[in-house]
Amino acid sequence: MLAYVAGRTGDKEKKVSIFNELAATKSSNPKVAQVLGRAKGELKKMEALGKPLEMKFTAIDGREVDLSKMKGKVVLIDFWATWCGPCIQELPNVKKAYGELHEQGFEIVGISLDKDEKKLTDFVAKNEMPWAQFCDGKGWANTLAKEHGISSIPAMWLVDKKGNLVDQSARSGLEAKVKKYLAE
């Protein structure tokens, strides 16, 4: 219930206070532990804006991805899934921005909340999505999504050329935002 209240309040100080209280709590109950883990992720997400974003993984195609090695590029972190209608509706915009701005230094990293990796790889191939995709098959318990406090998708984050997280709502006006950060 506290997590629900924290998620709904517009008072940042109160939100941080509640999430801190939850994050400090210990429980052996798996359902409670899941809520506590989400609280930790929410805190990390709230504190991340304007700071370097660390993310490192092996993509489903074997590529090694390390955001710290992508400095000099503007990177979209796209938390999504093949079963997510709004994510699929957003795909043409994402592909358009990538097609127009990739040569100028725009990269995309997909974090898929899919459980079926074969379905994901088939979807990525069919839809010509050349960027790296992370999928651990855990759905909403996806390691990277959980670590970064993702509670709804699509969630699109932008990382600037210095490696700092600069936008946690990059979905609206994506192309203009990318152009802005490419110009800096």
N, C-alpha and C. Protein backbone atom coordinates (compact mmCIF):
# COMPACT_ATOMS: atom_id res chain seq x y z
N MET A 1 0.82 -1.18 0.00
CA MET A 1 0.00 0.00 0.00
C MET A 1 0.87 1.25 0.00
N LEU A 2 1.97 1.21 0.75
CA LEU A 2 2.88 2.36 0.78
C LEU A 2 3.46 2.63 -0.61
N ALA A 3 3.83 1.57 -1.31
CA ALA A 3 4.38 1.73 -2.66
C ALA A 3 3.35 2.39 -3.58
N TYR A 4 2.09 1.99 -3.44
CA TYR A 4 1.02 2.58 -4.23
C TYR A 4 0.91 4.08 -3.93
N VAL A 5 0.91 4.43 -2.66
CA VAL A 5 0.81 5.83 -2.25
C VAL A 5 2.01 6.62 -2.78
N ALA A 6 3.18 6.07 -2.62
CA ALA A 6 4.40 6.75 -3.09
C ALA A 6 4.35 6.99 -4.59
N GLY A 7 3.86 6.00 -5.31
CA GLY A 7 3.78 6.13 -6.76
C GLY A 7 2.77 7.15 -7.23
N ARG A 8 1.80 7.48 -6.40
CA ARG A 8 0.74 8.40 -6.79
C ARG A 8 0.92 9.82 -6.29
N THR A 9 1.81 10.05 -5.34
CA THR A 9 1.96 11.39 -4.81
C THR A 9 2.83 12.26 -5.72
N GLY A 10 2.48 13.52 -5.81
CA GLY A 10 3.27 14.46 -6.59
C GLY A 10 4.36 15.12 -5.76
N ASP A 11 4.35 14.85 -4.47
CA ASP A 11 5.32 15.43 -3.54
C ASP A 11 6.58 14.57 -3.55
N LYS A 12 7.62 15.07 -4.23
CA LYS A 12 8.85 14.29 -4.40
C LYS A 12 9.48 13.91 -3.06
N GLU A 13 9.49 14.85 -2.12
CA GLU A 13 10.08 14.59 -0.81
C GLU A 13 9.36 13.44 -0.10
N LYS A 14 8.05 13.46 -0.16
CA LYS A 14 7.24 12.41 0.47
C LYS A 14 7.48 11.07 -0.24
N LYS A 15 7.52 11.12 -1.59
CA LYS A 15 7.76 9.93 -2.38
C LYS A 15 9.10 9.29 -2.01
N VAL A 16 10.15 10.10 -1.95
CA VAL A 16 11.48 9.60 -1.60
C VAL A 16 11.47 9.02 -0.18
N SER A 17 10.81 9.69 0.73
CA SER A 17 10.74 9.23 2.11
C SER A 17 10.08 7.85 2.20
N ILE A 18 8.97 7.68 1.51
CA ILE A 18 8.25 6.40 1.54
C ILE A 18 9.09 5.30 0.90
N PHE A 19 9.66 5.60 -0.28
CA PHE A 19 10.48 4.58 -0.95
C PHE A 19 11.71 4.23 -0.12
N ASN A 20 12.32 5.22 0.56
CA ASN A 20 13.46 4.93 1.45
C ASN A 20 13.04 3.99 2.57
N GLU A 21 11.87 4.25 3.14
CA GLU A 21 11.37 3.39 4.23
C GLU A 21 11.16 1.96 3.72
N LEU A 22 10.56 1.83 2.55
CA LEU A 22 10.35 0.51 1.97
C LEU A 22 11.67 -0.18 1.64
N ALA A 23 12.59 0.56 1.05
CA ALA A 23 13.87 -0.02 0.65
C ALA A 23 14.67 -0.52 1.84
N ALA A 24 14.47 0.08 3.00
CA ALA A 24 15.21 -0.32 4.20
C ALA A 24 14.56 -1.53 4.89
N THR A 25 13.37 -1.90 4.46
CA THR A 25 12.64 -3.01 5.07
C THR A 25 13.16 -4.34 4.54
N LYS A 26 13.16 -5.35 5.39
CA LYS A 26 13.57 -6.70 4.99
C LYS A 26 12.37 -7.63 5.12
N SER A 27 12.28 -8.60 4.19
CA SER A 27 11.20 -9.56 4.28
C SER A 27 11.61 -10.85 3.56
N SER A 28 11.24 -11.98 4.13
CA SER A 28 11.50 -13.26 3.48
C SER A 28 10.33 -13.68 2.60
N ASN A 29 9.22 -12.95 2.69
CA ASN A 29 8.07 -13.21 1.84
C ASN A 29 8.38 -12.75 0.42
N PRO A 30 8.34 -13.65 -0.58
CA PRO A 30 8.71 -13.27 -1.95
C PRO A 30 7.88 -12.13 -2.53
N LYS A 31 6.60 -12.08 -2.22
CA LYS A 31 5.75 -11.00 -2.76
C LYS A 31 6.11 -9.66 -2.14
N VAL A 32 6.40 -9.66 -0.86
CA VAL A 32 6.81 -8.42 -0.18
C VAL A 32 8.20 -8.02 -0.68
N ALA A 33 9.08 -8.99 -0.81
CA ALA A 33 10.44 -8.71 -1.30
C ALA A 33 10.40 -8.09 -2.69
N GLN A 34 9.45 -8.52 -3.51
CA GLN A 34 9.31 -7.95 -4.86
C GLN A 34 8.93 -6.47 -4.78
N VAL A 35 8.02 -6.12 -3.90
CA VAL A 35 7.61 -4.72 -3.71
C VAL A 35 8.80 -3.91 -3.19
N LEU A 36 9.55 -4.47 -2.27
CA LEU A 36 10.71 -3.78 -1.71
C LEU A 36 11.78 -3.56 -2.79
N GLY A 37 11.95 -4.54 -3.66
CA GLY A 37 12.90 -4.40 -4.77
C GLY A 37 12.48 -3.30 -5.73
N ARG A 38 11.19 -3.22 -5.98
CA ARG A 38 10.68 -2.15 -6.86
C ARG A 38 10.91 -0.78 -6.22
N ALA A 39 10.77 -0.71 -4.90
CA ALA A 39 11.01 0.56 -4.21
C ALA A 39 12.46 0.99 -4.40
N LYS A 40 13.37 0.05 -4.31
CA LYS A 40 14.80 0.36 -4.53
C LYS A 40 15.02 0.85 -5.96
N GLY A 41 14.36 0.19 -6.91
CA GLY A 41 14.46 0.60 -8.31
C GLY A 41 13.90 2.00 -8.54
N GLU A 42 12.76 2.29 -7.91
CA GLU A 42 12.16 3.63 -8.03
C GLU A 42 13.11 4.70 -7.49
N LEU A 43 13.73 4.42 -6.36
CA LEU A 43 14.70 5.38 -5.79
C LEU A 43 15.86 5.61 -6.74
N LYS A 44 16.37 4.52 -7.30
CA LYS A 44 17.49 4.63 -8.23
C LYS A 44 17.07 5.45 -9.45
N LYS A 45 15.86 5.21 -9.94
CA LYS A 45 15.36 5.94 -11.11
C LYS A 45 15.25 7.44 -10.79
N MET A 46 14.71 7.77 -9.62
CA MET A 46 14.53 9.17 -9.24
C MET A 46 15.86 9.89 -9.08
N GLU A 47 16.87 9.17 -8.63
CA GLU A 47 18.18 9.78 -8.39
C GLU A 47 19.05 9.80 -9.64
N ALA A 48 18.65 9.10 -10.69
CA ALA A 48 19.50 8.90 -11.86
C ALA A 48 19.57 10.09 -12.82
N LEU A 49 18.51 10.87 -12.89
CA LEU A 49 18.45 11.95 -13.87
C LEU A 49 19.61 12.93 -13.70
N GLY A 50 20.30 13.22 -14.79
CA GLY A 50 21.42 14.16 -14.78
C GLY A 50 22.74 13.53 -14.41
N LYS A 51 22.72 12.23 -14.13
CA LYS A 51 23.95 11.53 -13.71
C LYS A 51 24.32 10.47 -14.75
N PRO A 52 25.58 10.02 -14.71
CA PRO A 52 25.97 8.94 -15.63
C PRO A 52 25.11 7.70 -15.40
N LEU A 53 24.68 7.09 -16.49
CA LEU A 53 23.86 5.88 -16.40
C LEU A 53 24.74 4.68 -16.71
N GLU A 54 24.79 3.77 -15.78
CA GLU A 54 25.56 2.54 -15.99
C GLU A 54 24.63 1.43 -16.43
N MET A 55 25.00 0.77 -17.50
CA MET A 55 24.24 -0.36 -17.99
C MET A 55 25.17 -1.18 -18.86
N LYS A 56 25.24 -2.45 -18.57
CA LYS A 56 26.14 -3.34 -19.28
C LYS A 56 25.45 -4.70 -19.40
N PHE A 57 25.48 -5.28 -20.62
CA PHE A 57 24.86 -6.59 -20.83
C PHE A 57 25.32 -7.21 -22.14
N THR A 58 24.99 -8.48 -22.30
CA THR A 58 25.20 -9.17 -23.56
C THR A 58 23.84 -9.24 -24.25
N ALA A 59 23.78 -8.70 -25.46
CA ALA A 59 22.53 -8.67 -26.22
C ALA A 59 22.17 -10.08 -26.70
N ILE A 60 20.92 -10.26 -27.12
CA ILE A 60 20.46 -11.57 -27.56
C ILE A 60 21.22 -12.06 -28.80
N ASP A 61 21.84 -11.14 -29.54
CA ASP A 61 22.62 -11.55 -30.72
C ASP A 61 24.11 -11.71 -30.39
N GLY A 62 24.45 -11.62 -29.09
CA GLY A 62 25.84 -11.83 -28.68
C GLY A 62 26.67 -10.56 -28.54
N ARG A 63 26.14 -9.43 -28.99
CA ARG A 63 26.88 -8.17 -28.86
C ARG A 63 27.04 -7.79 -27.40
N GLU A 64 28.22 -7.28 -27.06
CA GLU A 64 28.46 -6.76 -25.72
C GLU A 64 28.08 -5.28 -25.72
N VAL A 65 27.23 -4.88 -24.80
CA VAL A 65 26.77 -3.50 -24.71
C VAL A 65 27.23 -2.94 -23.37
N ASP A 66 27.88 -1.78 -23.43
CA ASP A 66 28.33 -1.09 -22.23
C ASP A 66 28.14 0.41 -22.49
N LEU A 67 27.16 1.01 -21.79
CA LEU A 67 26.87 2.42 -22.03
C LEU A 67 28.09 3.31 -21.81
N SER A 68 28.95 2.94 -20.88
CA SER A 68 30.13 3.78 -20.61
C SER A 68 31.06 3.84 -21.82
N LYS A 69 30.94 2.89 -22.73
CA LYS A 69 31.77 2.88 -23.94
C LYS A 69 31.05 3.53 -25.12
N MET A 70 29.86 4.08 -24.87
CA MET A 70 29.09 4.71 -25.94
C MET A 70 29.11 6.23 -25.84
N LYS A 71 30.02 6.75 -25.02
CA LYS A 71 30.13 8.21 -24.90
C LYS A 71 30.44 8.79 -26.27
N GLY A 72 29.91 9.98 -26.52
CA GLY A 72 30.04 10.60 -27.83
C GLY A 72 28.82 10.34 -28.70
N LYS A 73 27.93 9.47 -28.23
CA LYS A 73 26.70 9.17 -28.94
C LYS A 73 25.51 9.51 -28.03
N VAL A 74 24.38 9.79 -28.65
CA VAL A 74 23.13 9.95 -27.91
C VAL A 74 22.45 8.59 -27.98
N VAL A 75 22.06 8.06 -26.81
CA VAL A 75 21.54 6.70 -26.76
C VAL A 75 20.11 6.69 -26.19
N LEU A 76 19.23 6.03 -26.90
CA LEU A 76 17.88 5.80 -26.41
C LEU A 76 17.86 4.43 -25.75
N ILE A 77 17.44 4.38 -24.50
CA ILE A 77 17.20 3.12 -23.81
C ILE A 77 15.69 2.89 -23.90
N ASP A 78 15.30 1.88 -24.64
CA ASP A 78 13.89 1.62 -24.90
C ASP A 78 13.45 0.36 -24.15
N PHE A 79 12.73 0.56 -23.05
CA PHE A 79 12.15 -0.54 -22.28
C PHE A 79 10.82 -0.87 -22.95
N TRP A 80 10.65 -2.09 -23.46
CA TRP A 80 9.49 -2.42 -24.26
C TRP A 80 9.24 -3.93 -24.26
N ALA A 81 8.24 -4.37 -25.01
CA ALA A 81 7.97 -5.80 -25.21
C ALA A 81 7.14 -5.98 -26.48
N THR A 82 7.24 -7.14 -27.09
CA THR A 82 6.50 -7.42 -28.32
C THR A 82 5.00 -7.51 -28.06
N TRP A 83 4.60 -7.81 -26.83
CA TRP A 83 3.18 -7.94 -26.49
C TRP A 83 2.55 -6.62 -26.04
N CYS A 84 3.33 -5.55 -26.03
CA CYS A 84 2.88 -4.24 -25.56
C CYS A 84 2.37 -3.40 -26.74
N GLY A 85 1.04 -3.21 -26.80
CA GLY A 85 0.45 -2.44 -27.90
C GLY A 85 1.04 -1.05 -28.08
N PRO A 86 1.12 -0.23 -27.01
CA PRO A 86 1.70 1.10 -27.15
C PRO A 86 3.17 1.07 -27.60
N CYS A 87 3.90 0.03 -27.21
CA CYS A 87 5.30 -0.11 -27.64
C CYS A 87 5.36 -0.31 -29.16
N ILE A 88 4.48 -1.17 -29.66
CA ILE A 88 4.45 -1.47 -31.09
C ILE A 88 3.99 -0.25 -31.88
N GLN A 89 3.03 0.50 -31.32
CA GLN A 89 2.56 1.72 -31.98
C GLN A 89 3.69 2.75 -32.07
N GLU A 90 4.59 2.74 -31.12
CA GLU A 90 5.69 3.70 -31.08
C GLU A 90 6.84 3.31 -32.02
N LEU A 91 6.90 2.05 -32.41
CA LEU A 91 8.01 1.54 -33.21
C LEU A 91 8.28 2.34 -34.50
N PRO A 92 7.28 2.73 -35.28
CA PRO A 92 7.58 3.52 -36.49
C PRO A 92 8.33 4.83 -36.17
N ASN A 93 7.97 5.49 -35.07
CA ASN A 93 8.66 6.73 -34.68
C ASN A 93 10.11 6.45 -34.30
N VAL A 94 10.32 5.37 -33.57
CA VAL A 94 11.66 4.99 -33.14
C VAL A 94 12.52 4.65 -34.36
N LYS A 95 11.96 3.85 -35.27
CA LYS A 95 12.70 3.47 -36.47
C LYS A 95 13.00 4.68 -37.36
N LYS A 96 12.07 5.61 -37.45
CA LYS A 96 12.28 6.82 -38.25
C LYS A 96 13.44 7.65 -37.67
N ALA A 97 13.41 7.85 -36.37
CA ALA A 97 14.48 8.62 -35.72
C ALA A 97 15.82 7.91 -35.92
N TYR A 98 15.83 6.60 -35.76
CA TYR A 98 17.07 5.84 -35.93
C TYR A 98 17.57 5.97 -37.38
N GLY A 99 16.67 5.80 -38.34
CA GLY A 99 17.05 5.88 -39.75
C GLY A 99 17.63 7.24 -40.12
N GLU A 100 17.06 8.30 -39.57
CA GLU A 100 17.50 9.65 -39.91
C GLU A 100 18.72 10.11 -39.12
N LEU A 101 18.89 9.60 -37.91
CA LEU A 101 19.91 10.17 -37.02
C LEU A 101 21.04 9.22 -36.62
N HIS A 102 20.94 7.97 -37.01
CA HIS A 102 21.98 7.01 -36.62
C HIS A 102 23.36 7.43 -37.13
N GLU A 103 23.42 7.86 -38.36
CA GLU A 103 24.71 8.27 -38.96
C GLU A 103 25.33 9.47 -38.22
N GLN A 104 24.49 10.23 -37.52
CA GLN A 104 24.98 11.41 -36.79
C GLN A 104 25.38 11.07 -35.35
N GLY A 105 25.21 9.80 -34.96
CA GLY A 105 25.63 9.40 -33.62
C GLY A 105 24.50 8.98 -32.69
N PHE A 106 23.35 8.62 -33.24
CA PHE A 106 22.22 8.17 -32.42
C PHE A 106 22.20 6.64 -32.38
N GLU A 107 22.14 6.11 -31.18
CA GLU A 107 22.07 4.66 -30.97
C GLU A 107 20.81 4.32 -30.17
N ILE A 108 20.39 3.10 -30.29
CA ILE A 108 19.25 2.60 -29.50
C ILE A 108 19.67 1.30 -28.84
N VAL A 109 19.22 1.13 -27.61
CA VAL A 109 19.41 -0.11 -26.88
C VAL A 109 18.02 -0.55 -26.42
N GLY A 110 17.61 -1.73 -26.80
CA GLY A 110 16.31 -2.25 -26.40
C GLY A 110 16.42 -3.14 -25.17
N ILE A 111 15.53 -2.91 -24.22
CA ILE A 111 15.43 -3.76 -23.03
C ILE A 111 14.05 -4.38 -23.09
N SER A 112 13.98 -5.64 -23.52
CA SER A 112 12.70 -6.29 -23.76
C SER A 112 12.21 -7.04 -22.52
N LEU A 113 10.95 -6.81 -22.19
CA LEU A 113 10.31 -7.50 -21.07
C LEU A 113 9.58 -8.76 -21.55
N ASP A 114 9.99 -9.27 -22.70
CA ASP A 114 9.42 -10.51 -23.21
C ASP A 114 9.91 -11.70 -22.39
N LYS A 115 9.13 -12.75 -22.40
CA LYS A 115 9.53 -14.01 -21.76
C LYS A 115 10.05 -15.00 -22.80
N ASP A 116 9.60 -14.85 -24.04
CA ASP A 116 9.95 -15.78 -25.11
C ASP A 116 10.99 -15.14 -26.03
N GLU A 117 12.25 -15.56 -25.89
CA GLU A 117 13.33 -14.95 -26.68
C GLU A 117 13.18 -15.21 -28.18
N LYS A 118 12.67 -16.38 -28.56
CA LYS A 118 12.47 -16.69 -29.98
C LYS A 118 11.44 -15.74 -30.59
N LYS A 119 10.36 -15.50 -29.87
CA LYS A 119 9.34 -14.55 -30.36
C LYS A 119 9.98 -13.17 -30.54
N LEU A 120 10.82 -12.78 -29.60
CA LEU A 120 11.50 -11.48 -29.69
C LEU A 120 12.43 -11.44 -30.89
N THR A 121 13.28 -12.45 -31.07
CA THR A 121 14.24 -12.43 -32.18
C THR A 121 13.51 -12.44 -33.52
N ASP A 122 12.41 -13.19 -33.61
CA ASP A 122 11.61 -13.20 -34.85
C ASP A 122 11.02 -11.81 -35.11
N PHE A 123 10.50 -11.18 -34.07
CA PHE A 123 9.89 -9.85 -34.20
C PHE A 123 10.94 -8.82 -34.64
N VAL A 124 12.10 -8.87 -34.00
CA VAL A 124 13.19 -7.93 -34.31
C VAL A 124 13.63 -8.09 -35.77
N ALA A 125 13.77 -9.33 -36.22
CA ALA A 125 14.18 -9.59 -37.61
C ALA A 125 13.10 -9.11 -38.59
N LYS A 126 11.85 -9.48 -38.32
CA LYS A 126 10.74 -9.10 -39.20
C LYS A 126 10.59 -7.58 -39.31
N ASN A 127 10.82 -6.88 -38.20
CA ASN A 127 10.63 -5.43 -38.18
C ASN A 127 11.92 -4.64 -38.41
N GLU A 128 12.97 -5.34 -38.81
CA GLU A 128 14.25 -4.70 -39.16
C GLU A 128 14.71 -3.71 -38.09
N MET A 129 14.96 -4.24 -36.91
CA MET A 129 15.42 -3.45 -35.77
C MET A 129 16.88 -3.83 -35.51
N PRO A 130 17.83 -3.10 -36.07
CA PRO A 130 19.24 -3.50 -36.01
C PRO A 130 19.95 -3.23 -34.68
N TRP A 131 19.30 -2.56 -33.76
CA TRP A 131 19.97 -2.22 -32.52
C TRP A 131 19.96 -3.40 -31.53
N ALA A 132 20.86 -3.33 -30.57
CA ALA A 132 21.02 -4.39 -29.56
C ALA A 132 19.78 -4.52 -28.69
N GLN A 133 19.46 -5.76 -28.34
CA GLN A 133 18.30 -6.06 -27.49
C GLN A 133 18.74 -6.92 -26.31
N PHE A 134 18.30 -6.55 -25.12
CA PHE A 134 18.52 -7.37 -23.93
C PHE A 134 17.21 -8.04 -23.57
N CYS A 135 17.27 -9.33 -23.30
CA CYS A 135 16.08 -10.06 -22.84
C CYS A 135 16.57 -11.21 -21.97
N ASP A 136 16.12 -11.24 -20.73
CA ASP A 136 16.50 -12.35 -19.86
C ASP A 136 15.34 -13.32 -19.63
N GLY A 137 14.22 -13.11 -20.34
CA GLY A 137 13.10 -14.03 -20.26
C GLY A 137 12.28 -13.94 -18.98
N LYS A 138 12.49 -12.89 -18.19
CA LYS A 138 11.81 -12.79 -16.90
C LYS A 138 10.59 -11.88 -16.91
N GLY A 139 10.21 -11.37 -18.08
CA GLY A 139 9.03 -10.51 -18.17
C GLY A 139 9.18 -9.27 -17.30
N TRP A 140 8.18 -9.00 -16.47
CA TRP A 140 8.19 -7.82 -15.60
C TRP A 140 9.31 -7.87 -14.57
N ALA A 141 9.87 -9.04 -14.34
CA ALA A 141 10.99 -9.17 -13.40
C ALA A 141 12.34 -9.03 -14.12
N ASN A 142 12.32 -8.53 -15.36
CA ASN A 142 13.54 -8.30 -16.13
C ASN A 142 14.56 -7.59 -15.25
N THR A 143 15.75 -8.14 -15.20
CA THR A 143 16.79 -7.65 -14.30
C THR A 143 17.07 -6.16 -14.47
N LEU A 144 17.27 -5.72 -15.71
CA LEU A 144 17.60 -4.30 -15.94
C LEU A 144 16.41 -3.39 -15.72
N ALA A 145 15.22 -3.83 -16.11
CA ALA A 145 14.02 -3.01 -15.88
C ALA A 145 13.78 -2.85 -14.39
N LYS A 146 13.92 -3.92 -13.66
CA LYS A 146 13.71 -3.90 -12.21
C LYS A 146 14.75 -3.00 -11.53
N GLU A 147 16.00 -3.17 -11.94
CA GLU A 147 17.10 -2.38 -11.36
C GLU A 147 16.89 -0.88 -11.57
N HIS A 148 16.26 -0.51 -12.67
CA HIS A 148 16.07 0.90 -13.01
C HIS A 148 14.66 1.41 -12.72
N GLY A 149 13.88 0.65 -11.97
CA GLY A 149 12.58 1.13 -11.51
C GLY A 149 11.52 1.24 -12.58
N ILE A 150 11.59 0.42 -13.59
CA ILE A 150 10.59 0.48 -14.67
C ILE A 150 9.32 -0.23 -14.21
N SER A 151 8.22 0.51 -14.19
CA SER A 151 6.95 -0.07 -13.75
C SER A 151 5.87 0.01 -14.83
N SER A 152 6.20 0.62 -15.96
CA SER A 152 5.28 0.65 -17.09
C SER A 152 6.10 0.79 -18.37
N ILE A 153 5.55 0.26 -19.45
CA ILE A 153 6.22 0.38 -20.75
C ILE A 153 5.21 0.85 -21.78
N PRO A 154 5.64 1.52 -22.85
CA PRO A 154 7.03 1.81 -23.15
C PRO A 154 7.60 2.87 -22.21
N ALA A 155 8.85 2.67 -21.87
CA ALA A 155 9.60 3.67 -21.12
C ALA A 155 10.85 3.96 -21.95
N MET A 156 11.03 5.21 -22.30
CA MET A 156 12.14 5.58 -23.17
C MET A 156 13.00 6.63 -22.49
N TRP A 157 14.25 6.27 -22.30
CA TRP A 157 15.21 7.16 -21.64
C TRP A 157 16.26 7.59 -22.65
N LEU A 158 16.72 8.84 -22.51
CA LEU A 158 17.80 9.34 -23.36
C LEU A 158 19.05 9.60 -22.54
N VAL A 159 20.17 9.17 -23.09
CA VAL A 159 21.48 9.39 -22.49
C VAL A 159 22.23 10.31 -23.45
N ASP A 160 22.82 11.38 -22.90
CA ASP A 160 23.53 12.33 -23.77
C ASP A 160 24.93 11.83 -24.12
N LYS A 161 25.65 12.63 -24.90
CA LYS A 161 26.97 12.24 -25.38
C LYS A 161 28.00 12.10 -24.26
N LYS A 162 27.71 12.67 -23.11
CA LYS A 162 28.62 12.54 -21.97
C LYS A 162 28.31 11.29 -21.14
N GLY A 163 27.24 10.60 -21.49
CA GLY A 163 26.85 9.39 -20.76
C GLY A 163 25.89 9.64 -19.63
N ASN A 164 25.33 10.86 -19.56
CA ASN A 164 24.38 11.20 -18.49
C ASN A 164 22.94 10.95 -18.93
N LEU A 165 22.14 10.44 -18.01
CA LEU A 165 20.71 10.27 -18.28
C LEU A 165 20.07 11.65 -18.25
N VAL A 166 19.50 12.07 -19.38
CA VAL A 166 18.96 13.42 -19.48
C VAL A 166 17.45 13.48 -19.64
N ASP A 167 16.81 12.34 -19.92
CA ASP A 167 15.36 12.34 -20.13
C ASP A 167 14.81 10.96 -19.83
N GLN A 168 13.80 10.90 -18.98
CA GLN A 168 13.14 9.63 -18.68
C GLN A 168 11.76 9.55 -19.32
N SER A 169 11.45 10.51 -20.18
CA SER A 169 10.17 10.53 -20.91
C SER A 169 10.43 10.91 -22.36
N ALA A 170 11.36 10.22 -22.98
CA ALA A 170 11.79 10.59 -24.33
C ALA A 170 10.78 10.23 -25.41
N ARG A 171 9.74 9.54 -25.03
CA ARG A 171 8.75 9.08 -26.01
C ARG A 171 8.12 10.23 -26.79
N SER A 172 7.73 11.28 -26.11
CA SER A 172 7.10 12.40 -26.83
C SER A 172 8.19 13.31 -27.39
N GLY A 173 8.09 13.57 -28.68
CA GLY A 173 9.07 14.44 -29.33
C GLY A 173 10.45 13.82 -29.43
N LEU A 174 10.52 12.51 -29.59
CA LEU A 174 11.80 11.80 -29.59
C LEU A 174 12.81 12.40 -30.57
N GLU A 175 12.40 12.55 -31.82
CA GLU A 175 13.35 13.01 -32.84
C GLU A 175 13.92 14.38 -32.51
N ALA A 176 13.07 15.31 -32.07
CA ALA A 176 13.54 16.66 -31.72
C ALA A 176 14.50 16.61 -30.53
N LYS A 177 14.20 15.76 -29.56
CA LYS A 177 15.07 15.64 -28.39
C LYS A 177 16.43 15.08 -28.79
N VAL A 178 16.42 14.06 -29.64
CA VAL A 178 17.69 13.47 -30.08
C VAL A 178 18.51 14.50 -30.83
N LYS A 179 17.88 15.25 -31.73
CA LYS A 179 18.59 16.29 -32.48
C LYS A 179 19.21 17.32 -31.54
N LYS A 180 18.47 17.70 -30.51
CA LYS A 180 18.96 18.67 -29.54
C LYS A 180 20.23 18.15 -28.87
N TYR A 181 20.20 16.91 -28.41
CA TYR A 181 21.37 16.38 -27.70
C TYR A 181 22.52 16.04 -28.65
N LEU A 182 22.23 15.73 -29.89
CA LEU A 182 23.30 15.52 -30.87
C LEU A 182 24.04 16.83 -31.14
N ALA A 183 23.31 17.94 -31.09
CA ALA A 183 23.90 19.26 -31.38
C ALA A 183 24.77 19.78 -30.25
N GLU A 184 24.64 19.21 -29.07
CA GLU A 184 25.42 19.71 -27.91
C GLU A 184 26.86 19.25 -27.96
